[in-house]
Amino acid sequence: MAFSSHTTPREPFLGNISRLALAPFRAVDSFFQSIITANQVVRDVEYMSQLSDAKLAKMGVNREDIVTYVARKSGTISAV
């Protein structure tokens, strides 16, 4: 019978503890990253809202589609 020395590598015990200990900090970071993204989307929508219809047309955007355009561009929503 053949002997297999193949074992599944295990993560060290301290690796699991550190991952659990850092989880709340990752959640807070994710929260603030969401706020930063939302603020950028608002600024972009405000900027584009001030553009003329001719400039928007050059970009291929209708005025009523500004929010959707910015959200898709920022990755906030995916293209449907």
Protein backbone atom coordinates (compact mmCIF):
# COMPACT_ATOMS: atom_id res chain seq x y z
CA MET A 1 0.00 0.00 0.00
CA ALA A 2 1.34 3.45 -0.89
CA PHE A 3 1.84 6.11 1.72
CA SER A 4 0.74 9.63 0.90
CA SER A 5 2.50 12.48 2.58
CA HIS A 6 0.05 14.99 1.16
CA THR A 7 -1.55 17.02 3.90
CA THR A 8 -3.85 19.98 3.69
CA PRO A 9 -2.03 23.12 4.79
CA ARG A 10 -3.66 24.68 7.81
CA GLU A 11 -3.65 28.29 8.72
CA PRO A 12 -1.86 29.01 11.95
CA PHE A 13 -4.06 29.46 15.00
CA LEU A 14 -2.89 33.04 15.47
CA GLY A 15 -3.86 33.82 11.87
CA ASN A 16 -7.47 33.01 12.69
CA ILE A 17 -7.40 35.10 15.84
CA SER A 18 -5.86 38.10 14.09
CA ARG A 19 -8.42 37.86 11.28
CA LEU A 20 -11.24 37.87 13.84
CA ALA A 21 -9.64 40.69 15.84
CA LEU A 22 -9.31 42.87 12.73
CA ALA A 23 -12.85 42.22 11.44
CA PRO A 24 -14.42 45.24 13.22
CA PHE A 25 -11.75 47.53 11.77
CA ARG A 26 -12.40 46.17 8.28
CA ALA A 27 -16.12 46.85 8.76
CA VAL A 28 -15.44 50.45 9.82
CA ASP A 29 -13.08 50.91 6.86
CA SER A 30 -15.72 49.56 4.50
CA PHE A 31 -18.30 51.94 5.98
CA PHE A 32 -16.08 54.98 5.45
CA GLN A 33 -15.14 53.86 1.92
CA SER A 34 -18.88 53.72 1.13
CA ILE A 35 -19.31 57.28 2.39
CA ILE A 36 -16.35 58.48 0.30
CA THR A 37 -17.81 56.82 -2.81
CA ALA A 38 -21.26 58.30 -2.17
CA ASN A 39 -19.79 61.80 -1.74
CA GLN A 40 -17.91 61.48 -5.04
CA VAL A 41 -21.10 60.36 -6.80
CA VAL A 42 -22.96 63.40 -5.41
CA ARG A 43 -20.18 65.76 -6.56
CA ASP A 44 -20.18 64.21 -10.04
CA VAL A 45 -23.97 64.47 -10.32
CA GLU A 46 -23.87 68.11 -9.22
CA TYR A 47 -21.12 68.88 -11.73
CA MET A 48 -22.90 67.18 -14.62
CA SER A 49 -26.19 68.85 -13.69
CA GLN A 50 -24.51 72.20 -14.32
CA LEU A 51 -23.38 71.23 -17.83
CA SER A 52 -25.32 72.45 -20.84
CA ASP A 53 -27.52 70.06 -22.79
CA ALA A 54 -25.07 70.35 -25.70
CA LYS A 55 -22.13 69.20 -23.55
CA LEU A 56 -24.18 66.36 -22.11
CA ALA A 57 -25.19 65.34 -25.63
CA LYS A 58 -21.49 65.21 -26.62
CA MET A 59 -21.00 62.79 -23.74
CA GLY A 60 -24.01 60.77 -24.90
CA VAL A 61 -26.01 61.51 -21.74
CA ASN A 62 -29.54 62.88 -21.40
CA ARG A 63 -30.17 65.19 -18.46
CA GLU A 64 -32.63 62.74 -16.91
CA ASP A 65 -30.02 59.96 -17.08
CA ILE A 66 -27.24 61.81 -15.21
CA VAL A 67 -27.70 59.95 -11.92
CA THR A 68 -27.75 56.54 -13.60
CA TYR A 69 -24.74 57.45 -15.76
CA VAL A 70 -22.67 58.58 -12.77
CA ALA A 71 -23.70 55.59 -10.65
CA ARG A 72 -22.68 53.16 -13.39
CA LYS A 73 -19.43 55.02 -14.05
CA SER A 74 -18.51 54.89 -10.38
CA GLY A 75 -19.37 51.21 -10.10
CA THR A 76 -22.15 51.90 -7.61
CA ILE A 77 -24.61 50.03 -9.83
CA SER A 78 -23.89 47.60 -12.65
CA ALA A 79 -25.04 47.98 -16.22
CA VAL A 80 -28.29 46.23 -16.93
